[in-house]
Amino acid sequence: MKRLKTCKKELGGNDKLLYELGLVALGIGFAAVLLYFCTGFNVLRIKYPCIFNKVTHLCCPGCGGTRALRALLHGEILKCLYDYPPLLYGIIVYAVFMVRCFLYRHFGIRKMKDGTVRIHMYIFIALVLAQWIVKLVAQIFFDYYWF
């Protein structure tokens, strides 16, 4: 029986930094889940005021992110998209990036082209700004509040 030969490849520059930050984020998420199952403490239930909203009385670019994450964890994908559309896109891009980097580092399978992550970051920022503008227009001109 032949063994697979592992090929430990190094990621370069930005990909290495983003992969390591992604591992930290994964660890924090794992710790939050572990905390919930061991103690019943739900970190998503912590209520803290939005400074941007308190000062300007307008929704901030991140308004709805926690509600969207809570909805996604409950399997409510449409509610997640309604509350904060960039979240689902960001999670999918994060998952694909982390899997591709893992496969490249440990098995030598081709990684994403250089610059792909940057393009997805620009798309994510565009989504955040677009949803923020829509929410501001709804709030200012139609007196409709998402939050």
N, C-alpha and C. Protein backbone atom coordinates (compact mmCIF):
# COMPACT_ATOMS: atom_id res chain seq x y z
N MET A 1 0.84 -1.18 0.00
CA MET A 1 0.00 0.00 0.00
C MET A 1 0.89 1.24 0.00
N LYS A 2 0.63 2.11 -0.95
CA LYS A 2 1.43 3.33 -1.08
C LYS A 2 0.91 4.42 -0.17
N ARG A 3 1.81 5.10 0.46
CA ARG A 3 1.43 6.24 1.29
C ARG A 3 1.47 7.52 0.48
N LEU A 4 0.55 8.40 0.82
CA LEU A 4 0.58 9.71 0.18
C LEU A 4 1.75 10.52 0.72
N LYS A 5 2.48 11.08 -0.18
CA LYS A 5 3.61 11.90 0.24
C LYS A 5 3.11 13.32 0.48
N THR A 6 3.24 13.78 1.72
CA THR A 6 2.78 15.14 2.01
C THR A 6 3.83 16.13 1.55
N CYS A 7 3.34 17.19 1.01
CA CYS A 7 4.21 18.23 0.47
C CYS A 7 3.95 19.50 1.25
N LYS A 8 4.81 19.80 2.17
CA LYS A 8 4.63 20.99 3.01
C LYS A 8 5.12 22.20 2.23
N LYS A 9 4.17 22.98 1.71
CA LYS A 9 4.52 24.18 0.96
C LYS A 9 4.21 25.40 1.80
N GLU A 10 4.95 26.42 1.59
CA GLU A 10 4.75 27.66 2.33
C GLU A 10 3.94 28.63 1.49
N LEU A 11 3.03 29.29 2.15
CA LEU A 11 2.27 30.35 1.50
C LEU A 11 3.12 31.61 1.50
N GLY A 12 2.87 32.46 0.55
CA GLY A 12 3.66 33.68 0.49
C GLY A 12 2.90 34.90 0.97
N GLY A 13 3.62 35.83 1.54
CA GLY A 13 3.16 37.17 1.89
C GLY A 13 1.78 37.27 2.51
N ASN A 14 0.88 37.91 1.76
CA ASN A 14 -0.47 38.19 2.27
C ASN A 14 -1.27 36.93 2.56
N ASP A 15 -1.12 35.91 1.70
CA ASP A 15 -1.87 34.68 1.92
C ASP A 15 -1.50 34.03 3.24
N LYS A 16 -0.22 34.06 3.58
CA LYS A 16 0.21 33.47 4.85
C LYS A 16 -0.39 34.23 6.03
N LEU A 17 -0.35 35.55 5.98
CA LEU A 17 -0.91 36.37 7.05
C LEU A 17 -2.42 36.15 7.17
N LEU A 18 -3.12 36.17 6.03
CA LEU A 18 -4.58 35.97 6.06
C LEU A 18 -4.94 34.57 6.53
N TYR A 19 -4.14 33.56 6.16
CA TYR A 19 -4.40 32.20 6.62
C TYR A 19 -4.22 32.10 8.13
N GLU A 20 -3.16 32.71 8.65
CA GLU A 20 -2.92 32.68 10.09
C GLU A 20 -4.02 33.44 10.85
N LEU A 21 -4.45 34.59 10.32
CA LEU A 21 -5.56 35.32 10.94
C LEU A 21 -6.85 34.50 10.87
N GLY A 22 -7.03 33.79 9.77
CA GLY A 22 -8.19 32.92 9.63
C GLY A 22 -8.18 31.80 10.66
N LEU A 23 -6.99 31.26 10.94
CA LEU A 23 -6.87 30.23 11.97
C LEU A 23 -7.21 30.80 13.35
N VAL A 24 -6.78 32.03 13.61
CA VAL A 24 -7.11 32.69 14.89
C VAL A 24 -8.62 32.87 14.99
N ALA A 25 -9.25 33.33 13.91
CA ALA A 25 -10.71 33.52 13.91
C ALA A 25 -11.42 32.18 14.13
N LEU A 26 -10.91 31.13 13.51
CA LEU A 26 -11.49 29.80 13.70
C LEU A 26 -11.35 29.35 15.15
N GLY A 27 -10.20 29.65 15.76
CA GLY A 27 -9.99 29.32 17.17
C GLY A 27 -10.93 30.08 18.09
N ILE A 28 -11.14 31.35 17.80
CA ILE A 28 -12.07 32.16 18.61
C ILE A 28 -13.49 31.62 18.47
N GLY A 29 -13.88 31.27 17.26
CA GLY A 29 -15.21 30.69 17.05
C GLY A 29 -15.37 29.36 17.77
N PHE A 30 -14.33 28.53 17.71
CA PHE A 30 -14.36 27.25 18.41
C PHE A 30 -14.46 27.46 19.92
N ALA A 31 -13.73 28.45 20.44
CA ALA A 31 -13.78 28.74 21.87
C ALA A 31 -15.17 29.22 22.28
N ALA A 32 -15.82 30.03 21.44
CA ALA A 32 -17.17 30.51 21.74
C ALA A 32 -18.17 29.35 21.77
N VAL A 33 -18.02 28.42 20.83
CA VAL A 33 -18.91 27.26 20.81
C VAL A 33 -18.66 26.38 22.03
N LEU A 34 -17.40 26.18 22.36
CA LEU A 34 -17.04 25.37 23.53
C LEU A 34 -17.57 26.02 24.81
N LEU A 35 -17.45 27.33 24.91
CA LEU A 35 -17.96 28.06 26.06
C LEU A 35 -19.48 27.88 26.19
N TYR A 36 -20.16 27.93 25.04
CA TYR A 36 -21.61 27.76 25.05
C TYR A 36 -22.01 26.36 25.53
N PHE A 37 -21.34 25.33 25.01
CA PHE A 37 -21.71 23.97 25.37
C PHE A 37 -21.29 23.59 26.79
N CYS A 38 -20.23 24.21 27.29
CA CYS A 38 -19.78 23.88 28.65
C CYS A 38 -20.52 24.67 29.73
N THR A 39 -20.82 25.93 29.44
CA THR A 39 -21.42 26.77 30.48
C THR A 39 -22.82 27.28 30.13
N GLY A 40 -23.20 27.20 28.87
CA GLY A 40 -24.49 27.74 28.45
C GLY A 40 -24.44 29.22 28.15
N PHE A 41 -23.25 29.84 28.28
CA PHE A 41 -23.09 31.27 28.03
C PHE A 41 -23.03 31.52 26.52
N ASN A 42 -23.94 32.33 26.01
CA ASN A 42 -24.02 32.62 24.59
C ASN A 42 -23.43 34.01 24.33
N VAL A 43 -22.30 34.07 23.66
CA VAL A 43 -21.64 35.36 23.42
C VAL A 43 -22.44 36.25 22.46
N LEU A 44 -23.33 35.65 21.66
CA LEU A 44 -24.14 36.45 20.74
C LEU A 44 -25.29 37.16 21.44
N ARG A 45 -25.53 36.85 22.69
CA ARG A 45 -26.59 37.50 23.46
C ARG A 45 -26.11 38.75 24.17
N ILE A 46 -24.82 39.02 24.13
CA ILE A 46 -24.27 40.21 24.78
C ILE A 46 -24.77 41.44 24.02
N LYS A 47 -25.37 42.35 24.73
CA LYS A 47 -25.88 43.58 24.12
C LYS A 47 -24.91 44.72 24.42
N TYR A 48 -24.46 45.36 23.39
CA TYR A 48 -23.60 46.53 23.57
C TYR A 48 -24.07 47.62 22.61
N PRO A 49 -24.01 48.85 23.03
CA PRO A 49 -24.52 49.94 22.19
C PRO A 49 -23.58 50.24 21.02
N CYS A 50 -24.17 50.62 19.92
CA CYS A 50 -23.38 51.01 18.74
C CYS A 50 -23.05 52.50 18.90
N ILE A 51 -21.78 52.80 18.98
CA ILE A 51 -21.34 54.20 19.17
C ILE A 51 -21.75 55.05 17.97
N PHE A 52 -21.59 54.51 16.76
CA PHE A 52 -21.95 55.25 15.55
C PHE A 52 -23.43 55.64 15.59
N ASN A 53 -24.29 54.67 15.97
CA ASN A 53 -25.73 54.92 16.05
C ASN A 53 -26.06 55.92 17.15
N LYS A 54 -25.38 55.82 18.29
CA LYS A 54 -25.64 56.73 19.40
C LYS A 54 -25.30 58.18 19.04
N VAL A 55 -24.23 58.35 18.27
CA VAL A 55 -23.78 59.71 17.93
C VAL A 55 -24.59 60.28 16.77
N THR A 56 -24.80 59.48 15.70
CA THR A 56 -25.42 60.02 14.48
C THR A 56 -26.91 59.70 14.36
N HIS A 57 -27.41 58.74 15.13
CA HIS A 57 -28.79 58.25 15.04
C HIS A 57 -29.08 57.63 13.67
N LEU A 58 -28.03 57.17 13.01
CA LEU A 58 -28.13 56.46 11.74
C LEU A 58 -27.56 55.06 11.92
N CYS A 59 -27.95 54.15 11.04
CA CYS A 59 -27.37 52.81 11.13
C CYS A 59 -25.92 52.87 10.65
N CYS A 60 -25.09 52.01 11.22
CA CYS A 60 -23.67 51.97 10.84
C CYS A 60 -23.47 50.95 9.72
N PRO A 61 -22.30 50.91 9.10
CA PRO A 61 -22.06 49.93 8.02
C PRO A 61 -22.16 48.48 8.50
N GLY A 62 -22.00 48.25 9.78
CA GLY A 62 -22.07 46.88 10.31
C GLY A 62 -23.39 46.54 10.94
N CYS A 63 -24.36 47.46 10.87
CA CYS A 63 -25.66 47.22 11.49
C CYS A 63 -26.32 45.96 10.92
N GLY A 64 -26.68 45.07 11.81
CA GLY A 64 -27.35 43.84 11.41
C GLY A 64 -26.43 42.64 11.37
N GLY A 65 -25.14 42.85 11.55
CA GLY A 65 -24.18 41.74 11.47
C GLY A 65 -24.41 40.66 12.52
N THR A 66 -24.64 41.07 13.76
CA THR A 66 -24.86 40.10 14.83
C THR A 66 -26.20 39.40 14.66
N ARG A 67 -27.22 40.15 14.29
CA ARG A 67 -28.54 39.53 14.03
C ARG A 67 -28.43 38.54 12.89
N ALA A 68 -27.68 38.88 11.85
CA ALA A 68 -27.52 38.00 10.69
C ALA A 68 -26.77 36.72 11.08
N LEU A 69 -25.74 36.86 11.91
CA LEU A 69 -24.99 35.68 12.36
C LEU A 69 -25.88 34.79 13.21
N ARG A 70 -26.65 35.39 14.09
CA ARG A 70 -27.58 34.63 14.92
C ARG A 70 -28.60 33.89 14.05
N ALA A 71 -29.13 34.57 13.04
CA ALA A 71 -30.10 33.95 12.14
C ALA A 71 -29.46 32.81 11.34
N LEU A 72 -28.23 33.01 10.90
CA LEU A 72 -27.53 31.97 10.14
C LEU A 72 -27.28 30.74 11.01
N LEU A 73 -26.91 30.95 12.26
CA LEU A 73 -26.68 29.82 13.16
C LEU A 73 -27.97 29.07 13.48
N HIS A 74 -29.11 29.74 13.31
CA HIS A 74 -30.40 29.07 13.50
C HIS A 74 -30.94 28.51 12.18
N GLY A 75 -30.16 28.62 11.10
CA GLY A 75 -30.56 28.07 9.81
C GLY A 75 -31.49 28.96 9.01
N GLU A 76 -31.65 30.20 9.41
CA GLU A 76 -32.54 31.14 8.72
C GLU A 76 -31.73 31.95 7.70
N ILE A 77 -31.48 31.36 6.54
CA ILE A 77 -30.60 31.97 5.55
C ILE A 77 -31.21 33.25 4.97
N LEU A 78 -32.51 33.24 4.69
CA LEU A 78 -33.14 34.44 4.14
C LEU A 78 -33.13 35.60 5.12
N LYS A 79 -33.33 35.32 6.40
CA LYS A 79 -33.26 36.37 7.42
C LYS A 79 -31.83 36.90 7.52
N CYS A 80 -30.85 35.99 7.40
CA CYS A 80 -29.45 36.41 7.40
C CYS A 80 -29.17 37.36 6.24
N LEU A 81 -29.66 37.03 5.06
CA LEU A 81 -29.46 37.89 3.89
C LEU A 81 -30.19 39.23 4.04
N TYR A 82 -31.34 39.20 4.69
CA TYR A 82 -32.10 40.43 4.90
C TYR A 82 -31.38 41.35 5.89
N ASP A 83 -30.87 40.78 6.99
CA ASP A 83 -30.24 41.60 8.03
C ASP A 83 -28.88 42.14 7.61
N TYR A 84 -28.06 41.29 6.95
CA TYR A 84 -26.71 41.73 6.59
C TYR A 84 -26.17 40.86 5.45
N PRO A 85 -26.47 41.21 4.19
CA PRO A 85 -26.08 40.39 3.04
C PRO A 85 -24.59 40.06 2.93
N PRO A 86 -23.67 40.95 3.30
CA PRO A 86 -22.25 40.62 3.13
C PRO A 86 -21.78 39.45 4.00
N LEU A 87 -22.50 39.14 5.08
CA LEU A 87 -22.04 38.10 5.99
C LEU A 87 -21.93 36.74 5.31
N LEU A 88 -22.96 36.33 4.59
CA LEU A 88 -22.95 35.03 3.94
C LEU A 88 -21.85 34.96 2.88
N TYR A 89 -21.68 36.03 2.11
CA TYR A 89 -20.61 36.08 1.12
C TYR A 89 -19.25 35.96 1.80
N GLY A 90 -19.05 36.70 2.90
CA GLY A 90 -17.78 36.65 3.61
C GLY A 90 -17.48 35.27 4.18
N ILE A 91 -18.49 34.61 4.69
CA ILE A 91 -18.28 33.27 5.26
C ILE A 91 -17.91 32.28 4.16
N ILE A 92 -18.57 32.36 3.02
CA ILE A 92 -18.25 31.45 1.91
C ILE A 92 -16.84 31.69 1.41
N VAL A 93 -16.46 32.94 1.22
CA VAL A 93 -15.11 33.26 0.75
C VAL A 93 -14.07 32.80 1.78
N TYR A 94 -14.35 33.02 3.06
CA TYR A 94 -13.45 32.59 4.13
C TYR A 94 -13.25 31.07 4.10
N ALA A 95 -14.36 30.34 3.99
CA ALA A 95 -14.28 28.87 4.00
C ALA A 95 -13.49 28.36 2.79
N VAL A 96 -13.76 28.89 1.62
CA VAL A 96 -13.04 28.45 0.42
C VAL A 96 -11.56 28.79 0.54
N PHE A 97 -11.25 29.99 1.00
CA PHE A 97 -9.85 30.40 1.15
C PHE A 97 -9.10 29.49 2.13
N MET A 98 -9.72 29.22 3.28
CA MET A 98 -9.05 28.40 4.29
C MET A 98 -8.83 26.97 3.80
N VAL A 99 -9.81 26.40 3.13
CA VAL A 99 -9.66 25.03 2.60
C VAL A 99 -8.59 25.00 1.53
N ARG A 100 -8.59 25.97 0.63
CA ARG A 100 -7.59 25.99 -0.45
C ARG A 100 -6.17 26.16 0.12
N CYS A 101 -6.01 27.03 1.10
CA CYS A 101 -4.69 27.21 1.71
C CYS A 101 -4.25 25.95 2.45
N PHE A 102 -5.17 25.31 3.15
CA PHE A 102 -4.84 24.06 3.86
C PHE A 102 -4.39 22.99 2.87
N LEU A 103 -5.13 22.84 1.78
CA LEU A 103 -4.77 21.83 0.78
C LEU A 103 -3.43 22.14 0.13
N TYR A 104 -3.15 23.41 -0.08
CA TYR A 104 -1.87 23.80 -0.68
C TYR A 104 -0.71 23.53 0.27
N ARG A 105 -0.87 23.93 1.53
CA ARG A 105 0.21 23.76 2.51
C ARG A 105 0.51 22.30 2.80
N HIS A 106 -0.52 21.47 2.90
CA HIS A 106 -0.31 20.10 3.36
C HIS A 106 -0.24 19.07 2.25
N PHE A 107 -0.81 19.35 1.08
CA PHE A 107 -0.82 18.36 0.02
C PHE A 107 -0.28 18.89 -1.30
N GLY A 108 0.06 20.16 -1.36
CA GLY A 108 0.64 20.73 -2.56
C GLY A 108 -0.37 20.96 -3.67
N ILE A 109 -1.66 20.87 -3.36
CA ILE A 109 -2.69 21.10 -4.36
C ILE A 109 -2.74 22.59 -4.68
N ARG A 110 -2.90 22.90 -5.94
CA ARG A 110 -2.81 24.27 -6.43
C ARG A 110 -3.64 25.24 -5.59
N LYS A 111 -3.03 26.36 -5.24
CA LYS A 111 -3.72 27.40 -4.46
C LYS A 111 -4.38 28.40 -5.39
N MET A 112 -5.10 29.33 -4.81
CA MET A 112 -5.76 30.36 -5.60
C MET A 112 -4.72 31.27 -6.25
N LYS A 113 -5.11 31.86 -7.35
CA LYS A 113 -4.21 32.79 -8.03
C LYS A 113 -3.94 33.98 -7.13
N ASP A 114 -2.75 34.55 -7.26
CA ASP A 114 -2.43 35.75 -6.51
C ASP A 114 -3.37 36.88 -6.92
N GLY A 115 -3.84 37.61 -5.95
CA GLY A 115 -4.75 38.72 -6.20
C GLY A 115 -6.22 38.35 -6.08
N THR A 116 -6.53 37.05 -6.01
CA THR A 116 -7.92 36.62 -5.89
C THR A 116 -8.53 37.09 -4.58
N VAL A 117 -7.76 36.98 -3.51
CA VAL A 117 -8.26 37.40 -2.20
C VAL A 117 -8.56 38.90 -2.20
N ARG A 118 -7.70 39.66 -2.82
CA ARG A 118 -7.89 41.11 -2.89
C ARG A 118 -9.19 41.44 -3.62
N ILE A 119 -9.47 40.75 -4.72
CA ILE A 119 -10.70 40.98 -5.47
C ILE A 119 -11.92 40.69 -4.59
N HIS A 120 -11.87 39.56 -3.87
CA HIS A 120 -13.00 39.21 -3.00
C HIS A 120 -13.15 40.20 -1.84
N MET A 121 -12.05 40.75 -1.36
CA MET A 121 -12.14 41.78 -0.31
C MET A 121 -12.82 43.04 -0.85
N TYR A 122 -12.49 43.43 -2.07
CA TYR A 122 -13.13 44.59 -2.69
C TYR A 122 -14.62 44.34 -2.89
N ILE A 123 -14.98 43.12 -3.31
CA ILE A 123 -16.39 42.78 -3.48
C ILE A 123 -17.11 42.85 -2.14
N PHE A 124 -16.47 42.34 -1.09
CA PHE A 124 -17.07 42.37 0.24
C PHE A 124 -17.28 43.82 0.69
N ILE A 125 -16.28 44.67 0.51
CA ILE A 125 -16.41 46.09 0.89
C ILE A 125 -17.51 46.76 0.08
N ALA A 126 -17.61 46.44 -1.22
CA ALA A 126 -18.68 47.00 -2.05
C ALA A 126 -20.05 46.56 -1.54
N LEU A 127 -20.17 45.29 -1.13
CA LEU A 127 -21.44 44.80 -0.58
C LEU A 127 -21.80 45.52 0.71
N VAL A 128 -20.79 45.72 1.58
CA VAL A 128 -21.04 46.43 2.84
C VAL A 128 -21.53 47.85 2.55
N LEU A 129 -20.85 48.55 1.66
CA LEU A 129 -21.25 49.93 1.34
C LEU A 129 -22.62 49.98 0.67
N ALA A 130 -22.89 49.04 -0.24
CA ALA A 130 -24.19 49.03 -0.94
C ALA A 130 -25.33 48.79 0.04
N GLN A 131 -25.19 47.80 0.94
CA GLN A 131 -26.27 47.54 1.89
C GLN A 131 -26.42 48.69 2.87
N TRP A 132 -25.31 49.36 3.21
CA TRP A 132 -25.38 50.51 4.11
C TRP A 132 -26.14 51.66 3.46
N ILE A 133 -25.85 51.92 2.19
CA ILE A 133 -26.54 52.99 1.47
C ILE A 133 -28.03 52.69 1.36
N VAL A 134 -28.38 51.43 1.06
CA VAL A 134 -29.79 51.06 0.98
C VAL A 134 -30.47 51.28 2.33
N LYS A 135 -29.82 50.88 3.42
CA LYS A 135 -30.40 51.07 4.75
C LYS A 135 -30.52 52.54 5.11
N LEU A 136 -29.52 53.34 4.74
CA LEU A 136 -29.60 54.78 5.01
C LEU A 136 -30.73 55.43 4.23
N VAL A 137 -30.87 55.08 2.96
CA VAL A 137 -31.95 55.63 2.14
C VAL A 137 -33.30 55.25 2.74
N ALA A 138 -33.45 53.99 3.14
CA ALA A 138 -34.70 53.53 3.75
C ALA A 138 -34.98 54.28 5.05
N GLN A 139 -33.92 54.54 5.82
CA GLN A 139 -34.10 55.21 7.10
C GLN A 139 -34.39 56.70 6.92
N ILE A 140 -33.62 57.37 6.09
CA ILE A 140 -33.75 58.83 5.95
C ILE A 140 -34.99 59.23 5.15
N PHE A 141 -35.23 58.58 4.02
CA PHE A 141 -36.31 59.02 3.15
C PHE A 141 -37.65 58.33 3.40
N PHE A 142 -37.62 57.10 3.93
CA PHE A 142 -38.87 56.37 4.10
C PHE A 142 -39.17 56.05 5.57
N ASP A 143 -38.31 56.51 6.47
CA ASP A 143 -38.50 56.30 7.90
C ASP A 143 -38.64 54.82 8.26
N TYR A 144 -37.87 53.97 7.56
CA TYR A 144 -37.88 52.53 7.81
C TYR A 144 -36.55 52.15 8.47
N TYR A 145 -36.61 51.48 9.61
CA TYR A 145 -35.41 51.14 10.36
C TYR A 145 -35.18 49.64 10.33
N TRP A 146 -33.96 49.25 9.97
CA TRP A 146 -33.57 47.85 9.99
C TRP A 146 -33.22 47.41 11.41
N PHE A 147 -32.77 48.35 12.21
CA PHE A 147 -32.25 47.98 13.53
C PHE A 147 -33.24 48.27 14.63
